[in-house]
Amino acid sequence: MAVPAASLSSGRPTGTIFELEALEGLPCGCVAAAYRARPWDVAVVSLEAKGPHCILAGHASGQILRLGDPSEFEDEDTDE
């Protein structure tokens, strides 16, 4: 039995769960995105788009590449 969508809503507005922090093109042509997951304050890096000529079998759109504490990713940026 199908449940009407209206009955699934609590009536409260839903906030954004993921906040985009950065986009980065990879050498293979794929695009990775770094997000901050709210309200848990977890960093998520995912593959957003597979490059048209990417030959890496492990690359698929929507694939989670990394999870962790956002401060860990900030430390990596300052090392460059």
N, C-alpha and C. Protein backbone atom coordinates (compact mmCIF):
# COMPACT_ATOMS: atom_id res chain seq x y z
N MET A 1 0.84 -1.19 0.00
CA MET A 1 0.00 0.00 0.00
C MET A 1 0.88 1.24 0.00
N ALA A 2 0.60 2.16 -0.86
CA ALA A 2 1.37 3.40 -0.95
C ALA A 2 0.96 4.36 0.16
N VAL A 3 1.96 5.04 0.71
CA VAL A 3 1.70 6.03 1.76
C VAL A 3 1.78 7.42 1.11
N PRO A 4 0.73 8.24 1.28
CA PRO A 4 0.78 9.58 0.69
C PRO A 4 1.96 10.38 1.23
N ALA A 5 2.61 11.13 0.35
CA ALA A 5 3.78 11.91 0.74
C ALA A 5 3.45 12.89 1.85
N ALA A 6 2.25 13.45 1.86
CA ALA A 6 1.86 14.42 2.88
C ALA A 6 1.90 13.81 4.27
N SER A 7 1.63 12.52 4.38
CA SER A 7 1.63 11.89 5.70
C SER A 7 3.04 11.63 6.21
N LEU A 8 4.03 11.66 5.31
CA LEU A 8 5.41 11.45 5.71
C LEU A 8 6.05 12.72 6.26
N SER A 9 5.50 13.86 5.93
CA SER A 9 6.07 15.13 6.34
C SER A 9 5.63 15.47 7.76
N SER A 10 6.57 16.01 8.55
CA SER A 10 6.23 16.40 9.92
C SER A 10 5.66 17.80 9.97
N GLY A 11 5.63 18.48 8.83
CA GLY A 11 5.12 19.84 8.81
C GLY A 11 6.19 20.89 9.03
N ARG A 12 7.36 20.47 9.45
CA ARG A 12 8.47 21.41 9.65
C ARG A 12 9.26 21.54 8.37
N PRO A 13 9.79 22.72 8.08
CA PRO A 13 10.64 22.85 6.89
C PRO A 13 11.93 22.09 7.09
N THR A 14 12.38 21.44 6.03
CA THR A 14 13.64 20.69 6.13
C THR A 14 14.78 21.60 5.71
N GLY A 15 15.87 21.55 6.45
CA GLY A 15 17.05 22.34 6.12
C GLY A 15 17.97 21.57 5.22
N THR A 16 18.99 22.24 4.75
CA THR A 16 19.98 21.60 3.91
C THR A 16 20.87 20.71 4.75
N ILE A 17 21.03 19.49 4.34
CA ILE A 17 21.86 18.55 5.08
C ILE A 17 23.32 18.69 4.67
N PHE A 18 23.57 18.90 3.37
CA PHE A 18 24.93 19.00 2.88
C PHE A 18 25.22 20.42 2.41
N GLU A 19 26.35 20.95 2.85
CA GLU A 19 26.79 22.29 2.46
C GLU A 19 28.03 22.12 1.60
N LEU A 20 27.97 22.58 0.34
CA LEU A 20 29.09 22.44 -0.59
C LEU A 20 30.25 23.31 -0.13
N GLU A 21 31.42 22.71 -0.01
CA GLU A 21 32.62 23.43 0.41
C GLU A 21 33.53 23.73 -0.79
N ALA A 22 33.70 22.74 -1.69
CA ALA A 22 34.62 22.93 -2.82
C ALA A 22 34.34 21.90 -3.91
N LEU A 23 34.69 22.28 -5.13
CA LEU A 23 34.68 21.36 -6.28
C LEU A 23 36.10 21.29 -6.81
N GLU A 24 36.51 20.11 -7.28
CA GLU A 24 37.86 19.98 -7.82
C GLU A 24 37.85 19.02 -9.00
N GLY A 25 38.45 19.46 -10.10
CA GLY A 25 38.61 18.59 -11.26
C GLY A 25 39.80 17.67 -11.02
N LEU A 26 39.62 16.40 -11.30
CA LEU A 26 40.69 15.42 -11.13
C LEU A 26 41.41 15.22 -12.47
N PRO A 27 42.67 14.75 -12.45
CA PRO A 27 43.43 14.58 -13.69
C PRO A 27 42.74 13.67 -14.71
N CYS A 28 41.91 12.73 -14.23
CA CYS A 28 41.23 11.80 -15.15
C CYS A 28 40.01 12.43 -15.81
N GLY A 29 39.65 13.65 -15.41
CA GLY A 29 38.49 14.33 -15.97
C GLY A 29 37.25 14.26 -15.10
N CYS A 30 37.32 13.49 -14.03
CA CYS A 30 36.20 13.40 -13.10
C CYS A 30 36.16 14.65 -12.22
N VAL A 31 35.03 14.88 -11.56
CA VAL A 31 34.88 16.03 -10.67
C VAL A 31 34.53 15.53 -9.27
N ALA A 32 35.33 15.96 -8.28
CA ALA A 32 35.08 15.61 -6.89
C ALA A 32 34.52 16.83 -6.17
N ALA A 33 33.67 16.58 -5.20
CA ALA A 33 33.07 17.66 -4.40
C ALA A 33 33.29 17.37 -2.93
N ALA A 34 33.60 18.43 -2.18
CA ALA A 34 33.74 18.31 -0.73
C ALA A 34 32.52 18.98 -0.11
N TYR A 35 31.85 18.26 0.78
CA TYR A 35 30.67 18.76 1.47
C TYR A 35 30.90 18.70 2.97
N ARG A 36 30.14 19.51 3.69
CA ARG A 36 30.07 19.40 5.14
C ARG A 36 28.65 18.94 5.44
N ALA A 37 28.51 17.80 6.10
CA ALA A 37 27.20 17.25 6.44
C ALA A 37 26.72 17.85 7.75
N ARG A 38 25.61 18.53 7.70
CA ARG A 38 25.01 19.13 8.89
C ARG A 38 23.87 18.26 9.35
N PRO A 39 23.54 18.13 10.55
CA PRO A 39 24.07 18.80 11.73
C PRO A 39 25.21 18.04 12.40
N TRP A 40 25.71 16.99 11.73
CA TRP A 40 26.72 16.14 12.35
C TRP A 40 28.12 16.70 12.24
N ASP A 41 28.34 17.70 11.40
CA ASP A 41 29.64 18.31 11.15
C ASP A 41 30.67 17.25 10.73
N VAL A 42 30.31 16.53 9.67
CA VAL A 42 31.17 15.51 9.09
C VAL A 42 31.52 15.95 7.67
N ALA A 43 32.78 15.81 7.30
CA ALA A 43 33.20 16.13 5.94
C ALA A 43 32.98 14.92 5.04
N VAL A 44 32.45 15.17 3.85
CA VAL A 44 32.18 14.12 2.87
C VAL A 44 32.79 14.56 1.55
N VAL A 45 33.61 13.69 0.95
CA VAL A 45 34.14 13.95 -0.38
C VAL A 45 33.55 12.87 -1.29
N SER A 46 32.91 13.31 -2.36
CA SER A 46 32.29 12.36 -3.27
C SER A 46 32.64 12.67 -4.71
N LEU A 47 32.51 11.67 -5.56
CA LEU A 47 32.73 11.85 -6.98
C LEU A 47 31.41 12.30 -7.58
N GLU A 48 31.37 13.52 -8.08
CA GLU A 48 30.12 14.09 -8.59
C GLU A 48 29.87 13.76 -10.05
N ALA A 49 30.92 13.70 -10.85
CA ALA A 49 30.75 13.42 -12.27
C ALA A 49 31.94 12.61 -12.77
N LYS A 50 31.65 11.58 -13.54
CA LYS A 50 32.71 10.78 -14.13
C LYS A 50 33.11 11.43 -15.44
N GLY A 51 34.41 11.60 -15.63
CA GLY A 51 34.92 12.20 -16.85
C GLY A 51 34.62 11.34 -18.06
N PRO A 52 34.39 11.95 -19.22
CA PRO A 52 34.02 11.17 -20.41
C PRO A 52 35.10 10.21 -20.87
N HIS A 53 36.36 10.45 -20.50
CA HIS A 53 37.46 9.59 -20.95
C HIS A 53 38.16 8.90 -19.77
N CYS A 54 37.54 8.93 -18.59
CA CYS A 54 38.14 8.31 -17.41
C CYS A 54 38.15 6.79 -17.58
N ILE A 55 39.33 6.18 -17.36
CA ILE A 55 39.46 4.73 -17.49
C ILE A 55 39.56 4.03 -16.13
N LEU A 56 39.39 4.78 -15.05
CA LEU A 56 39.49 4.20 -13.71
C LEU A 56 38.20 3.50 -13.35
N ALA A 57 38.27 2.19 -13.20
CA ALA A 57 37.08 1.38 -12.93
C ALA A 57 36.43 1.75 -11.59
N GLY A 58 37.22 2.26 -10.65
CA GLY A 58 36.70 2.60 -9.33
C GLY A 58 35.95 3.91 -9.27
N HIS A 59 35.92 4.66 -10.36
CA HIS A 59 35.23 5.94 -10.36
C HIS A 59 33.79 5.76 -10.86
N ALA A 60 32.84 6.17 -10.02
CA ALA A 60 31.42 6.14 -10.38
C ALA A 60 30.75 7.35 -9.78
N SER A 61 29.87 8.00 -10.51
CA SER A 61 29.18 9.18 -10.00
C SER A 61 28.44 8.83 -8.72
N GLY A 62 28.55 9.73 -7.74
CA GLY A 62 27.90 9.54 -6.45
C GLY A 62 28.70 8.70 -5.46
N GLN A 63 29.85 8.23 -5.86
CA GLN A 63 30.69 7.39 -4.99
C GLN A 63 31.30 8.24 -3.89
N ILE A 64 31.21 7.78 -2.65
CA ILE A 64 31.84 8.46 -1.52
C ILE A 64 33.32 8.10 -1.53
N LEU A 65 34.18 9.11 -1.60
CA LEU A 65 35.61 8.88 -1.63
C LEU A 65 36.23 8.95 -0.24
N ARG A 66 35.63 9.80 0.63
CA ARG A 66 36.22 9.98 1.95
C ARG A 66 35.19 10.57 2.91
N LEU A 67 35.24 10.13 4.17
CA LEU A 67 34.44 10.68 5.27
C LEU A 67 35.40 11.05 6.38
N GLY A 68 35.07 12.07 7.15
CA GLY A 68 35.93 12.39 8.28
C GLY A 68 35.58 13.70 8.94
N ASP A 69 36.43 14.08 9.87
CA ASP A 69 36.30 15.34 10.60
C ASP A 69 36.71 16.47 9.67
N PRO A 70 35.88 17.53 9.53
CA PRO A 70 36.23 18.63 8.64
C PRO A 70 37.59 19.25 8.93
N SER A 71 38.03 19.25 10.17
CA SER A 71 39.33 19.84 10.49
C SER A 71 40.48 19.05 9.86
N GLU A 72 40.29 17.74 9.64
CA GLU A 72 41.32 16.94 8.97
C GLU A 72 41.55 17.43 7.54
N PHE A 73 40.48 17.79 6.84
CA PHE A 73 40.59 18.27 5.47
C PHE A 73 41.17 19.67 5.43
N GLU A 74 40.87 20.50 6.40
CA GLU A 74 41.41 21.85 6.46
C GLU A 74 42.92 21.81 6.64
N ASP A 75 43.42 20.86 7.44
CA ASP A 75 44.86 20.71 7.66
C ASP A 75 45.57 20.35 6.36
N GLU A 76 44.93 19.50 5.52
CA GLU A 76 45.53 19.11 4.25
C GLU A 76 45.67 20.31 3.33
N ASP A 77 44.68 21.21 3.34
CA ASP A 77 44.71 22.39 2.47
C ASP A 77 45.86 23.32 2.84
N THR A 78 46.19 23.46 4.11
CA THR A 78 47.24 24.37 4.54
C THR A 78 48.63 23.82 4.27
N ASP A 79 48.76 22.49 4.06
CA ASP A 79 50.05 21.88 3.79
C ASP A 79 50.55 22.16 2.38
N GLU A 80 49.67 22.55 1.48
CA GLU A 80 50.05 22.74 0.08
C GLU A 80 50.86 23.95 -0.16
